[in-house]
Amino acid sequence: MAATAAGYDDDASEPWWRRKRPRRTPQPPEADTEAVKAEALVLMSALPVLPRLVVFDLDYTLWPFQCDRLPKDEIPYLYPQARGILNALKDKGVETAIASRASRRGVAKSFLEKLGIHFMFGTQISIYLY
């Protein structure tokens, strides 16, 4: 960014203290969701019976970090194949739920909403605090 004569950036749409900083941890590229979903559906169709419910932990299961320890300036992200697998389970009619030991319940719920996967768990969201 070039500075003007007054010492300010040319892009004055937002003050510098409100601009988002780039993430510190590089986010892995998300896998092709449809390809992962198709592969998961093939694997599931080989099973004689599917479970009625699959329960996921959040930290180090759906995403590669502890949600309550991720710096506030970093954007949450899923493991590359997680979204495709969740979609495949939904297509097969398998219910999904969450069991997590997140010390701050609001952080985990916020991440699920930011990632656009909160609806996949419907009314099954249960975050247990220890």
N, C-alpha and C. Protein backbone atom coordinates (compact mmCIF):
# COMPACT_ATOMS: atom_id res chain seq x y z
N MET A 1 0.83 -1.17 0.00
CA MET A 1 0.00 0.00 0.00
C MET A 1 0.88 1.24 0.00
N ALA A 2 0.52 2.14 -0.81
CA ALA A 2 1.28 3.38 -0.88
C ALA A 2 0.73 4.38 0.12
N ALA A 3 1.59 5.19 0.66
CA ALA A 3 1.17 6.21 1.63
C ALA A 3 0.98 7.53 0.90
N THR A 4 0.01 8.29 1.33
CA THR A 4 -0.23 9.60 0.74
C THR A 4 0.69 10.60 1.42
N ALA A 5 0.61 11.84 0.97
CA ALA A 5 1.47 12.88 1.54
C ALA A 5 1.17 13.08 3.02
N ALA A 6 -0.08 12.83 3.43
CA ALA A 6 -0.44 13.00 4.84
C ALA A 6 0.01 11.81 5.69
N GLY A 7 0.53 10.76 5.05
CA GLY A 7 1.01 9.61 5.79
C GLY A 7 -0.04 8.52 5.98
N TYR A 8 -1.19 8.66 5.34
CA TYR A 8 -2.23 7.65 5.46
C TYR A 8 -2.22 6.75 4.24
N ASP A 9 -2.78 5.55 4.40
CA ASP A 9 -2.89 4.64 3.28
C ASP A 9 -3.90 5.17 2.27
N ASP A 10 -3.69 4.81 1.00
CA ASP A 10 -4.64 5.19 -0.03
C ASP A 10 -6.01 4.56 0.23
N ASP A 11 -6.00 3.34 0.77
CA ASP A 11 -7.25 2.65 1.06
C ASP A 11 -7.70 3.07 2.46
N ALA A 12 -8.51 4.10 2.52
CA ALA A 12 -8.96 4.63 3.81
C ALA A 12 -10.36 4.15 4.15
N SER A 13 -10.79 3.01 3.58
CA SER A 13 -12.13 2.53 3.85
C SER A 13 -12.33 2.13 5.30
N GLU A 14 -11.29 1.64 5.94
CA GLU A 14 -11.36 1.26 7.35
C GLU A 14 -10.10 1.71 8.05
N PRO A 15 -10.21 2.11 9.30
CA PRO A 15 -9.00 2.46 10.04
C PRO A 15 -8.11 1.23 10.18
N TRP A 16 -6.83 1.43 10.30
CA TRP A 16 -5.88 0.31 10.35
C TRP A 16 -6.14 -0.62 11.51
N TRP A 17 -6.66 -0.12 12.63
CA TRP A 17 -6.87 -0.97 13.80
C TRP A 17 -8.08 -1.88 13.66
N ARG A 18 -8.92 -1.64 12.65
CA ARG A 18 -10.08 -2.51 12.43
C ARG A 18 -9.87 -3.50 11.29
N ARG A 19 -8.80 -3.34 10.56
CA ARG A 19 -8.54 -4.25 9.46
C ARG A 19 -8.17 -5.62 10.00
N LYS A 20 -8.65 -6.65 9.33
CA LYS A 20 -8.34 -8.01 9.76
C LYS A 20 -6.89 -8.33 9.43
N ARG A 21 -6.22 -8.90 10.40
CA ARG A 21 -4.85 -9.33 10.16
C ARG A 21 -4.88 -10.67 9.45
N PRO A 22 -3.87 -10.93 8.64
CA PRO A 22 -3.85 -12.24 7.98
C PRO A 22 -3.66 -13.34 9.02
N ARG A 23 -4.20 -14.50 8.73
CA ARG A 23 -4.09 -15.62 9.67
C ARG A 23 -2.63 -16.02 9.83
N ARG A 24 -2.29 -16.44 11.02
CA ARG A 24 -0.93 -16.86 11.30
C ARG A 24 -0.68 -18.29 10.85
N THR A 25 -1.66 -19.15 11.03
CA THR A 25 -1.52 -20.54 10.66
C THR A 25 -2.08 -20.71 9.25
N PRO A 26 -1.29 -21.23 8.32
CA PRO A 26 -1.83 -21.40 6.97
C PRO A 26 -2.95 -22.44 6.97
N GLN A 27 -4.05 -22.09 6.35
CA GLN A 27 -5.19 -22.99 6.28
C GLN A 27 -4.97 -23.99 5.15
N PRO A 28 -5.14 -25.30 5.42
CA PRO A 28 -4.97 -26.27 4.34
C PRO A 28 -6.08 -26.11 3.32
N PRO A 29 -5.81 -26.40 2.06
CA PRO A 29 -6.86 -26.27 1.06
C PRO A 29 -7.98 -27.27 1.35
N GLU A 30 -9.22 -26.80 1.21
CA GLU A 30 -10.35 -27.69 1.45
C GLU A 30 -10.45 -28.69 0.31
N ALA A 31 -10.68 -29.94 0.66
CA ALA A 31 -10.81 -30.99 -0.35
C ALA A 31 -12.08 -30.74 -1.16
N ASP A 32 -12.13 -31.32 -2.34
CA ASP A 32 -13.33 -31.22 -3.17
C ASP A 32 -14.47 -31.91 -2.42
N THR A 33 -15.38 -31.12 -1.89
CA THR A 33 -16.45 -31.65 -1.04
C THR A 33 -17.26 -32.72 -1.75
N GLU A 34 -17.60 -32.50 -3.00
CA GLU A 34 -18.41 -33.48 -3.73
C GLU A 34 -17.65 -34.78 -3.97
N ALA A 35 -16.35 -34.69 -4.24
CA ALA A 35 -15.56 -35.91 -4.45
C ALA A 35 -15.44 -36.70 -3.15
N VAL A 36 -15.20 -36.01 -2.04
CA VAL A 36 -15.11 -36.68 -0.74
C VAL A 36 -16.45 -37.31 -0.39
N LYS A 37 -17.53 -36.56 -0.64
CA LYS A 37 -18.87 -37.08 -0.36
C LYS A 37 -19.15 -38.33 -1.18
N ALA A 38 -18.80 -38.30 -2.46
CA ALA A 38 -19.03 -39.46 -3.33
C ALA A 38 -18.25 -40.68 -2.84
N GLU A 39 -17.00 -40.46 -2.45
CA GLU A 39 -16.19 -41.57 -1.94
C GLU A 39 -16.76 -42.12 -0.64
N ALA A 40 -17.20 -41.24 0.24
CA ALA A 40 -17.80 -41.68 1.51
C ALA A 40 -19.09 -42.45 1.26
N LEU A 41 -19.89 -42.01 0.30
CA LEU A 41 -21.13 -42.72 -0.02
C LEU A 41 -20.85 -44.12 -0.55
N VAL A 42 -19.80 -44.27 -1.36
CA VAL A 42 -19.42 -45.59 -1.86
C VAL A 42 -19.02 -46.49 -0.70
N LEU A 43 -18.20 -45.96 0.21
CA LEU A 43 -17.77 -46.75 1.37
C LEU A 43 -18.95 -47.12 2.26
N MET A 44 -19.87 -46.19 2.46
CA MET A 44 -21.04 -46.47 3.30
C MET A 44 -21.97 -47.49 2.67
N SER A 45 -22.07 -47.48 1.34
CA SER A 45 -22.96 -48.43 0.67
C SER A 45 -22.44 -49.86 0.78
N ALA A 46 -21.16 -50.02 1.07
CA ALA A 46 -20.59 -51.36 1.25
C ALA A 46 -20.92 -51.95 2.62
N LEU A 47 -21.40 -51.12 3.53
CA LEU A 47 -21.74 -51.59 4.87
C LEU A 47 -23.15 -52.17 4.89
N PRO A 48 -23.35 -53.28 5.60
CA PRO A 48 -24.69 -53.87 5.64
C PRO A 48 -25.70 -53.00 6.38
N VAL A 49 -25.25 -52.32 7.43
CA VAL A 49 -26.13 -51.47 8.23
C VAL A 49 -25.35 -50.23 8.64
N LEU A 50 -26.01 -49.09 8.57
CA LEU A 50 -25.39 -47.84 9.03
C LEU A 50 -25.92 -47.50 10.42
N PRO A 51 -25.13 -46.80 11.21
CA PRO A 51 -25.64 -46.39 12.53
C PRO A 51 -26.73 -45.33 12.38
N ARG A 52 -27.59 -45.23 13.37
CA ARG A 52 -28.62 -44.20 13.34
C ARG A 52 -28.05 -42.85 13.72
N LEU A 53 -26.97 -42.86 14.51
CA LEU A 53 -26.39 -41.63 15.02
C LEU A 53 -24.87 -41.74 15.05
N VAL A 54 -24.19 -40.69 14.62
CA VAL A 54 -22.74 -40.58 14.74
C VAL A 54 -22.46 -39.34 15.58
N VAL A 55 -21.68 -39.53 16.64
CA VAL A 55 -21.35 -38.43 17.55
C VAL A 55 -19.91 -38.01 17.30
N PHE A 56 -19.71 -36.73 17.08
CA PHE A 56 -18.38 -36.18 16.81
C PHE A 56 -17.89 -35.35 17.99
N ASP A 57 -16.61 -35.45 18.28
CA ASP A 57 -15.96 -34.47 19.11
C ASP A 57 -15.63 -33.32 18.17
N LEU A 58 -15.36 -32.16 18.70
CA LEU A 58 -15.02 -31.02 17.84
C LEU A 58 -13.52 -30.87 17.67
N ASP A 59 -12.82 -30.65 18.77
CA ASP A 59 -11.38 -30.38 18.73
C ASP A 59 -10.61 -31.62 18.27
N TYR A 60 -9.81 -31.42 17.24
CA TYR A 60 -8.97 -32.46 16.65
C TYR A 60 -9.77 -33.60 16.02
N THR A 61 -11.07 -33.38 15.78
CA THR A 61 -11.89 -34.35 15.06
C THR A 61 -12.50 -33.68 13.84
N LEU A 62 -13.18 -32.56 14.05
CA LEU A 62 -13.70 -31.79 12.91
C LEU A 62 -12.75 -30.69 12.50
N TRP A 63 -12.02 -30.14 13.45
CA TRP A 63 -11.03 -29.11 13.14
C TRP A 63 -9.74 -29.40 13.89
N PRO A 64 -8.61 -28.95 13.34
CA PRO A 64 -7.29 -29.32 13.89
C PRO A 64 -6.75 -28.38 14.98
N PHE A 65 -7.56 -28.04 15.95
CA PHE A 65 -7.12 -27.17 17.03
C PHE A 65 -8.14 -27.26 18.16
N GLN A 66 -7.81 -26.68 19.31
CA GLN A 66 -8.77 -26.53 20.40
C GLN A 66 -9.47 -25.20 20.21
N CYS A 67 -10.77 -25.24 20.08
CA CYS A 67 -11.51 -24.02 19.73
C CYS A 67 -11.35 -22.92 20.77
N ASP A 68 -11.23 -23.26 22.03
CA ASP A 68 -11.12 -22.20 23.03
C ASP A 68 -9.70 -21.70 23.20
N ARG A 69 -8.76 -22.25 22.44
CA ARG A 69 -7.38 -21.78 22.49
C ARG A 69 -6.90 -21.16 21.17
N LEU A 70 -7.76 -21.12 20.18
CA LEU A 70 -7.41 -20.50 18.90
C LEU A 70 -7.39 -18.99 19.10
N PRO A 71 -6.34 -18.31 18.66
CA PRO A 71 -6.31 -16.84 18.81
C PRO A 71 -7.53 -16.20 18.15
N LYS A 72 -8.02 -15.14 18.76
CA LYS A 72 -9.24 -14.49 18.28
C LYS A 72 -9.14 -13.96 16.86
N ASP A 73 -7.92 -13.65 16.41
CA ASP A 73 -7.77 -13.09 15.07
C ASP A 73 -7.67 -14.17 13.99
N GLU A 74 -7.67 -15.44 14.38
CA GLU A 74 -7.60 -16.51 13.39
C GLU A 74 -9.00 -17.01 13.04
N ILE A 75 -9.15 -17.39 11.81
CA ILE A 75 -10.43 -17.86 11.30
C ILE A 75 -10.48 -19.38 11.46
N PRO A 76 -11.57 -19.92 12.04
CA PRO A 76 -11.65 -21.37 12.19
C PRO A 76 -11.80 -22.06 10.84
N TYR A 77 -11.33 -23.29 10.76
CA TYR A 77 -11.47 -24.06 9.53
C TYR A 77 -11.57 -25.54 9.88
N LEU A 78 -12.17 -26.30 8.98
CA LEU A 78 -12.35 -27.73 9.17
C LEU A 78 -11.18 -28.50 8.59
N TYR A 79 -11.05 -29.76 9.02
CA TYR A 79 -10.15 -30.66 8.30
C TYR A 79 -10.65 -30.72 6.86
N PRO A 80 -9.77 -30.92 5.89
CA PRO A 80 -10.18 -30.85 4.48
C PRO A 80 -11.35 -31.76 4.09
N GLN A 81 -11.44 -32.97 4.64
CA GLN A 81 -12.49 -33.91 4.24
C GLN A 81 -13.74 -33.85 5.11
N ALA A 82 -13.73 -33.09 6.17
CA ALA A 82 -14.83 -33.12 7.14
C ALA A 82 -16.18 -32.76 6.53
N ARG A 83 -16.24 -31.70 5.75
CA ARG A 83 -17.52 -31.25 5.19
C ARG A 83 -18.12 -32.31 4.26
N GLY A 84 -17.31 -32.95 3.44
CA GLY A 84 -17.81 -33.99 2.54
C GLY A 84 -18.35 -35.19 3.29
N ILE A 85 -17.68 -35.57 4.37
CA ILE A 85 -18.15 -36.71 5.18
C ILE A 85 -19.46 -36.37 5.88
N LEU A 86 -19.55 -35.17 6.42
CA LEU A 86 -20.81 -34.75 7.05
C LEU A 86 -21.96 -34.74 6.05
N ASN A 87 -21.69 -34.27 4.83
CA ASN A 87 -22.73 -34.26 3.79
C ASN A 87 -23.15 -35.67 3.42
N ALA A 88 -22.20 -36.60 3.34
CA ALA A 88 -22.52 -37.99 3.01
C ALA A 88 -23.39 -38.61 4.09
N LEU A 89 -23.06 -38.37 5.35
CA LEU A 89 -23.87 -38.90 6.45
C LEU A 89 -25.29 -38.35 6.38
N LYS A 90 -25.40 -37.07 6.08
CA LYS A 90 -26.72 -36.44 5.97
C LYS A 90 -27.52 -37.07 4.84
N ASP A 91 -26.86 -37.28 3.68
CA ASP A 91 -27.55 -37.89 2.54
C ASP A 91 -28.03 -39.31 2.83
N LYS A 92 -27.31 -40.03 3.67
CA LYS A 92 -27.68 -41.40 4.03
C LYS A 92 -28.70 -41.44 5.17
N GLY A 93 -29.07 -40.28 5.69
CA GLY A 93 -30.06 -40.23 6.75
C GLY A 93 -29.51 -40.54 8.13
N VAL A 94 -28.20 -40.49 8.28
CA VAL A 94 -27.58 -40.74 9.58
C VAL A 94 -27.57 -39.43 10.36
N GLU A 95 -28.13 -39.45 11.57
CA GLU A 95 -28.13 -38.25 12.40
C GLU A 95 -26.73 -38.02 12.96
N THR A 96 -26.41 -36.75 13.17
CA THR A 96 -25.10 -36.41 13.73
C THR A 96 -25.29 -35.56 14.98
N ALA A 97 -24.39 -35.74 15.93
CA ALA A 97 -24.44 -34.98 17.18
C ALA A 97 -23.02 -34.61 17.56
N ILE A 98 -22.92 -33.75 18.55
CA ILE A 98 -21.62 -33.27 19.02
C ILE A 98 -21.52 -33.52 20.52
N ALA A 99 -20.37 -34.00 20.93
CA ALA A 99 -20.04 -34.10 22.36
C ALA A 99 -18.66 -33.49 22.50
N SER A 100 -18.56 -32.40 23.23
CA SER A 100 -17.29 -31.71 23.32
C SER A 100 -17.06 -31.22 24.74
N ARG A 101 -15.80 -31.11 25.09
CA ARG A 101 -15.43 -30.63 26.41
C ARG A 101 -14.96 -29.18 26.35
N ALA A 102 -15.45 -28.44 25.41
CA ALA A 102 -15.04 -27.03 25.27
C ALA A 102 -15.35 -26.29 26.56
N SER A 103 -14.37 -25.58 27.07
CA SER A 103 -14.58 -24.87 28.34
C SER A 103 -15.47 -23.64 28.16
N ARG A 104 -15.53 -23.13 26.95
CA ARG A 104 -16.41 -21.99 26.67
C ARG A 104 -17.39 -22.38 25.59
N ARG A 105 -18.60 -22.69 25.98
CA ARG A 105 -19.62 -23.21 25.08
C ARG A 105 -19.87 -22.29 23.89
N GLY A 106 -19.90 -20.99 24.12
CA GLY A 106 -20.19 -20.04 23.06
C GLY A 106 -19.18 -20.07 21.93
N VAL A 107 -17.92 -20.34 22.24
CA VAL A 107 -16.88 -20.37 21.22
C VAL A 107 -17.15 -21.51 20.24
N ALA A 108 -17.43 -22.69 20.75
CA ALA A 108 -17.69 -23.84 19.88
C ALA A 108 -18.91 -23.59 19.00
N LYS A 109 -19.99 -23.08 19.59
CA LYS A 109 -21.19 -22.80 18.80
C LYS A 109 -20.92 -21.75 17.73
N SER A 110 -20.15 -20.74 18.10
CA SER A 110 -19.79 -19.68 17.15
C SER A 110 -19.00 -20.25 15.97
N PHE A 111 -18.05 -21.14 16.25
CA PHE A 111 -17.26 -21.76 15.18
C PHE A 111 -18.16 -22.57 14.25
N LEU A 112 -19.08 -23.34 14.82
CA LEU A 112 -19.99 -24.13 13.99
C LEU A 112 -20.80 -23.23 13.06
N GLU A 113 -21.23 -22.09 13.57
CA GLU A 113 -21.99 -21.15 12.75
C GLU A 113 -21.11 -20.50 11.69
N LYS A 114 -19.91 -20.07 12.07
CA LYS A 114 -18.99 -19.45 11.10
C LYS A 114 -18.64 -20.41 9.98
N LEU A 115 -18.51 -21.69 10.30
CA LEU A 115 -18.15 -22.69 9.31
C LEU A 115 -19.35 -23.16 8.50
N GLY A 116 -20.54 -22.73 8.87
CA GLY A 116 -21.74 -23.09 8.13
C GLY A 116 -22.14 -24.55 8.28
N ILE A 117 -21.82 -25.17 9.41
CA ILE A 117 -22.18 -26.58 9.60
C ILE A 117 -23.10 -26.78 10.80
N HIS A 118 -23.49 -25.71 11.46
CA HIS A 118 -24.34 -25.86 12.65
C HIS A 118 -25.65 -26.56 12.35
N PHE A 119 -26.21 -26.34 11.16
CA PHE A 119 -27.49 -26.95 10.80
C PHE A 119 -27.38 -28.46 10.59
N MET A 120 -26.18 -28.96 10.34
CA MET A 120 -26.00 -30.39 10.11
C MET A 120 -26.23 -31.21 11.37
N PHE A 121 -26.19 -30.55 12.51
CA PHE A 121 -26.36 -31.25 13.76
C PHE A 121 -27.75 -31.04 14.34
N GLY A 122 -28.57 -30.26 13.68
CA GLY A 122 -29.96 -30.05 14.09
C GLY A 122 -30.11 -29.80 15.57
N THR A 123 -31.04 -30.49 16.18
CA THR A 123 -31.29 -30.33 17.61
C THR A 123 -30.36 -31.20 18.45
N GLN A 124 -29.44 -31.87 17.80
CA GLN A 124 -28.57 -32.81 18.50
C GLN A 124 -27.37 -32.16 19.16
N ILE A 125 -27.23 -30.84 19.04
CA ILE A 125 -26.05 -30.19 19.61
C ILE A 125 -26.08 -30.29 21.13
N SER A 126 -25.10 -30.95 21.67
CA SER A 126 -24.94 -31.06 23.13
C SER A 126 -23.47 -30.85 23.43
N ILE A 127 -23.17 -29.76 24.10
CA ILE A 127 -21.78 -29.49 24.45
C ILE A 127 -21.67 -29.64 25.95
N TYR A 128 -20.95 -30.64 26.37
CA TYR A 128 -20.83 -30.94 27.80
C TYR A 128 -19.64 -30.22 28.39
N LEU A 129 -19.84 -29.65 29.53
CA LEU A 129 -18.76 -28.97 30.24
C LEU A 129 -18.35 -29.82 31.43
N TYR A 130 -17.05 -29.96 31.62
CA TYR A 130 -16.54 -30.75 32.75
C TYR A 130 -16.00 -29.84 33.81
